[in-house]
Protein backbone atom coordinates (compact mmCIF):
# COMPACT_ATOMS: atom_id res chain seq x y z
CA UNK A 1 12.14 -54.01 -5.75
CA UNK A 2 13.87 -50.39 -5.09
CA UNK A 3 12.05 -49.33 -8.27
CA UNK A 4 8.29 -50.44 -7.29
CA UNK A 5 9.17 -49.06 -4.16
CA UNK A 6 10.25 -45.71 -5.56
CA UNK A 7 7.11 -45.74 -7.74
CA UNK A 8 4.74 -46.11 -4.85
CA UNK A 9 6.58 -43.62 -3.09
CA UNK A 10 6.16 -41.27 -5.63
CA UNK A 11 2.29 -41.85 -5.84
CA UNK A 12 1.58 -42.33 -2.18
CA UNK A 13 3.21 -38.23 -2.61
CA UNK A 14 1.11 -37.14 -5.03
CA UNK A 15 -2.08 -38.37 -2.71
CA UNK A 16 -0.90 -37.20 0.50
CA UNK A 17 1.02 -34.01 0.25
CA UNK A 18 -1.92 -32.62 -1.82
CA UNK A 19 -5.05 -34.32 -2.76
CA UNK A 20 -6.19 -31.07 -4.42
CA UNK A 21 -2.48 -30.26 -6.42
CA UNK A 22 -3.33 -32.88 -9.32
CA UNK A 23 -6.40 -30.86 -9.95
CA UNK A 24 -4.27 -27.67 -9.96
CA UNK A 25 -1.62 -29.27 -11.88
CA UNK A 26 -4.18 -30.17 -14.47
CA UNK A 27 -6.56 -27.17 -14.55
CA UNK A 28 -9.95 -27.20 -13.04
CA UNK A 29 -12.60 -25.84 -14.80
CA UNK A 30 -13.61 -22.11 -13.91
CA UNK A 31 -10.23 -21.55 -13.57
CA UNK A 32 -8.19 -18.49 -14.98
CA UNK A 33 -5.60 -20.85 -15.42
CA UNK A 34 -4.98 -22.59 -18.36
CA UNK A 35 -5.38 -26.35 -17.97
CA UNK A 36 -3.19 -28.67 -19.45
CA UNK A 37 -3.62 -31.33 -22.11
CA UNK A 38 -3.35 -34.49 -21.59
CA UNK A 39 -0.58 -37.07 -21.02
CA UNK A 40 1.71 -33.76 -20.78
CA UNK A 41 4.74 -32.89 -18.72
CA UNK A 42 4.56 -29.38 -17.02
CA UNK A 43 7.73 -27.28 -16.17
CA UNK A 44 8.39 -26.52 -12.93
CA UNK A 45 7.34 -22.59 -13.37
CA UNK A 46 3.67 -24.31 -14.43
CA UNK A 47 3.70 -26.24 -11.50
CA UNK A 48 4.48 -23.36 -8.93
CA UNK A 49 1.91 -21.26 -10.55
CA UNK A 50 -0.44 -24.16 -10.38
CA UNK A 51 -0.24 -24.78 -6.56
CA UNK A 52 -0.25 -21.24 -5.79
CA UNK A 53 -3.63 -20.72 -7.97
CA UNK A 54 -5.10 -23.68 -5.53
CA UNK A 55 -3.90 -22.14 -2.71
CA UNK A 56 -5.49 -18.79 -3.55
CA UNK A 57 -8.47 -20.67 -5.04
CA UNK A 58 -9.11 -21.81 -1.31
CA UNK A 59 -8.59 -19.10 0.49
CA UNK A 60 -10.92 -16.84 -2.00
CA UNK A 61 -13.45 -19.54 -1.01
CA UNK A 62 -14.80 -17.27 2.05
CA UNK A 63 -15.11 -14.08 -0.02
CA UNK A 64 -18.63 -13.14 -1.02
CA UNK A 65 -19.83 -14.44 -3.97
CA UNK A 66 -20.53 -10.86 -5.11
CA UNK A 67 -18.07 -8.41 -6.56
CA UNK A 68 -15.68 -6.91 -3.77
CA UNK A 69 -12.68 -4.84 -3.79
CA UNK A 70 -9.64 -6.63 -2.06
CA UNK A 71 -6.14 -5.24 -0.94
CA UNK A 72 -3.10 -7.85 -1.37
CA UNK A 73 -0.81 -7.19 0.99
CA UNK A 74 2.44 -9.17 1.37
CA UNK A 75 3.88 -9.52 4.72
CA UNK A 76 7.36 -9.75 3.79
CA UNK A 77 9.46 -10.31 0.71
CA UNK A 78 9.75 -13.20 -1.24
CA UNK A 79 11.26 -14.41 -4.52
CA UNK A 80 8.08 -15.93 -5.50
CA UNK A 81 6.03 -12.72 -4.43
CA UNK A 82 5.57 -11.94 -8.31
CA UNK A 83 4.38 -15.31 -9.11
CA UNK A 84 1.93 -15.89 -6.32
CA UNK A 85 0.45 -11.79 -7.16
CA UNK A 86 0.09 -12.89 -10.36
CA UNK A 87 -1.84 -16.06 -9.21
CA UNK A 88 -4.30 -13.38 -6.63
CA UNK A 89 -5.18 -11.53 -9.54
CA UNK A 90 -5.77 -14.05 -12.24
CA UNK A 91 -8.03 -15.95 -9.49
CA UNK A 92 -9.66 -13.09 -7.88
CA UNK A 93 -10.81 -11.33 -11.08
CA UNK A 94 -12.00 -14.28 -12.59
CA UNK A 95 -14.65 -14.30 -9.77
CA UNK A 96 -15.65 -10.72 -9.91
CA UNK A 97 -13.21 -8.91 -7.94
CA UNK A 98 -11.32 -5.98 -8.02
CA UNK A 99 -7.66 -6.20 -6.34
CA UNK A 100 -5.79 -3.89 -5.30
CA UNK A 101 -2.05 -3.83 -4.47
CA UNK A 102 -0.84 -2.48 -0.86
CA UNK A 103 2.74 -2.94 0.00
CA UNK A 104 2.94 -1.56 2.77
CA UNK A 105 4.84 -3.17 5.85
CA UNK A 106 1.88 -4.84 8.27
CA UNK A 107 4.45 -4.91 11.02
CA UNK A 108 5.94 -1.54 10.00
CA UNK A 109 5.53 1.35 13.39
CA UNK A 110 5.12 4.14 10.82
CA UNK A 111 1.31 4.17 9.23
CA UNK A 112 1.33 3.95 5.77
CA UNK A 113 -1.20 6.01 3.40
CA UNK A 114 -4.22 3.10 3.30
CA UNK A 115 -5.44 1.30 0.70
CA UNK A 116 -9.29 1.69 0.56
CA UNK A 117 -10.98 -1.48 0.13
CA UNK A 118 -13.46 -3.87 1.36
CA UNK A 119 -11.35 -7.37 2.23
CA UNK A 120 -7.82 -7.01 2.51
CA UNK A 121 -5.70 -10.48 1.64
CA UNK A 122 -2.63 -10.89 3.48
CA UNK A 123 -0.07 -13.60 2.67
CA UNK A 124 3.20 -14.99 4.02
CA UNK A 125 5.09 -17.02 1.56
CA UNK A 126 6.94 -19.80 3.89
CA UNK A 127 8.14 -22.26 1.60
CA UNK A 128 8.29 -23.04 -2.07
CA UNK A 129 10.58 -26.07 -2.37
CA UNK A 130 11.62 -28.39 -5.63
CA UNK A 131 13.59 -31.61 -5.57
CA UNK A 132 14.47 -34.37 -7.75
CA UNK A 133 15.38 -36.79 -4.96
CA UNK A 134 16.05 -39.97 -6.35
CA UNK A 135 16.90 -40.71 -9.84
CA UNK A 136 17.28 -43.85 -11.95
CA UNK A 137 20.09 -45.02 -14.24
CA UNK A 138 20.76 -47.16 -16.89
CA UNK A 139 23.88 -49.43 -15.82
CA UNK A 140 24.19 -47.12 -12.77
CA UNK A 141 25.42 -44.23 -15.66
CA UNK A 142 23.18 -42.47 -17.79
CA UNK A 143 19.46 -41.07 -16.50
CA UNK A 144 16.32 -43.01 -17.32
CA UNK A 145 13.81 -40.97 -15.10
CA UNK A 146 14.02 -38.49 -12.12
CA UNK A 147 11.40 -38.56 -9.28
CA UNK A 148 10.18 -34.60 -8.82
CA UNK A 149 8.66 -33.56 -5.64
CA UNK A 150 7.35 -29.48 -5.38
CA UNK A 151 5.57 -27.96 -2.30
CA UNK A 152 4.17 -24.39 -1.36
CA UNK A 153 3.34 -23.15 2.09
CA UNK A 154 1.61 -19.76 2.14
CA UNK A 155 0.25 -18.07 5.55
CA UNK A 156 -2.97 -16.40 4.30
CA UNK A 157 -5.39 -13.86 6.14
CA UNK A 158 -8.49 -12.82 5.13
CA UNK A 159 -9.82 -9.24 6.89
CA UNK A 160 -13.26 -7.84 6.54
CA UNK A 161 -12.35 -4.53 6.81
CA UNK A 162 -15.19 -2.71 7.78
CA UNK A 163 -15.89 -4.95 10.72
CA UNK A 164 -12.46 -6.54 11.38
CA UNK A 165 -13.69 -9.60 11.40
CA UNK A 166 -11.11 -12.31 10.20
CA UNK A 167 -12.54 -14.49 7.49
CA UNK A 168 -9.53 -16.86 7.36
CA UNK A 169 -6.34 -17.26 9.26
CA UNK A 170 -4.36 -20.44 7.98
CA UNK A 171 -1.31 -21.89 6.88
CA UNK A 172 -2.13 -23.15 3.39
CA UNK A 173 -0.41 -26.26 1.87
CA UNK A 174 0.34 -27.79 -1.56
CA UNK A 175 2.38 -30.71 -2.97
CA UNK A 176 2.51 -32.60 -6.28
CA UNK A 177 5.38 -35.41 -6.79
CA UNK A 178 5.71 -37.08 -10.06
CA UNK A 179 8.37 -39.23 -12.27
CA UNK A 180 9.70 -37.83 -15.06
CA UNK A 181 11.52 -39.09 -18.01
CA UNK A 182 15.23 -38.04 -17.99
CA UNK A 183 14.93 -36.45 -21.64
CA UNK A 184 12.38 -34.32 -20.51
CA UNK A 185 14.58 -32.52 -17.46
CA UNK A 186 16.20 -29.49 -19.39
CA UNK A 187 12.46 -28.56 -20.98
CA UNK A 188 10.73 -29.32 -17.74
CA UNK A 189 13.52 -27.55 -15.25
CA UNK A 190 13.20 -23.54 -15.30
CA UNK A 191 15.71 -21.03 -14.01
CA UNK A 192 13.37 -18.37 -14.03
CA UNK A 193 12.83 -18.38 -9.96
CA UNK A 194 15.61 -20.03 -7.46
CA UNK A 195 12.87 -22.34 -6.68
CA UNK A 196 12.11 -23.50 -10.18
CA UNK A 197 15.03 -25.50 -10.56
CA UNK A 198 17.40 -28.19 -8.56
CA UNK A 199 20.20 -30.36 -8.98
CA UNK A 200 19.21 -34.12 -9.26
CA UNK A 201 20.09 -36.34 -6.55
CA UNK A 202 23.16 -38.67 -7.73
CA UNK A 203 23.13 -36.11 -10.35
CA UNK A 204 27.39 -35.25 -10.51
CA UNK A 205 30.25 -36.60 -11.66
CA UNK A 206 31.25 -37.48 -8.29
CA UNK A 207 28.37 -40.09 -8.47
CA UNK A 208 29.16 -41.24 -12.08
CA UNK A 209 32.82 -42.34 -10.58
CA UNK A 210 31.42 -43.97 -7.62
CA UNK A 211 29.36 -46.27 -9.95
CA UNK A 212 32.16 -46.97 -12.02
CA UNK A 213 34.23 -47.83 -9.03
CA UNK A 214 31.71 -50.11 -7.75
CA UNK A 215 30.71 -51.56 -11.29
CA UNK A 216 34.55 -52.21 -11.48
CA UNK A 217 34.61 -53.78 -7.91
CA UNK A 218 32.02 -56.21 -8.90
CA UNK A 219 33.49 -57.31 -12.58
CA UNK A 220 36.61 -57.78 -10.67
CA UNK A 221 35.43 -60.11 -7.69
CA UNK A 222 33.04 -61.99 -10.72
CA UNK A 223 36.42 -62.49 -12.92
CA UNK A 224 38.37 -63.71 -9.72
CA UNK A 225 35.55 -66.08 -9.00
CA UNK A 226 35.39 -67.52 -12.15
CA UNK A 227 39.45 -67.82 -12.64
CA UNK A 228 39.14 -69.43 -9.05
CA UNK A 229 36.55 -72.08 -10.47
CA UNK A 230 38.24 -72.77 -13.70
CA UNK A 231 41.02 -74.08 -11.49
């Protein structure tokens, strides 16, 4: 029953957290991001990039269909910034726009040299989180599978520079959940960033020892029961 409940929870999270993430993780037609092949297990780095690309696609939908210059302006430093910048550049250039990088501090009191552009793409990365919340084990010892959950939250503002009109000011969230075989863990867990690697739940030696104690206690109880029954 616990296994069935875990599978159901994983499927619900895949749909509830992000209806569009499944498409992002599998690749979408017209995207500059390479699509995944069928029946492939994607690395955490690939998934983070896919979630970012899906966020950028939604934000970029407010831009005009014709070519425009867009200033990319991060609102604060984050370890995910290089990967997000790459996603923005890839998606906007694929749509025919020119991308310019403006690293001046939006909140700074001192005026920085202005990057001339038709539009401004401001973003603030609130959260990028990976976890392995549930682990299935064989005989309470060896991992059989791991549930994987990924979420990215980015506040995006798109501004039309000539008029000052806000085209978008929204907190965009994308999530993905799946279950991977334990043998794939070493391949998908990517130490490239702190948000692409995580320690699985129940993954330490302490948990294994706890399982051994429980199994030993149960074995002892069973042995005592049959010993008493024999008498």
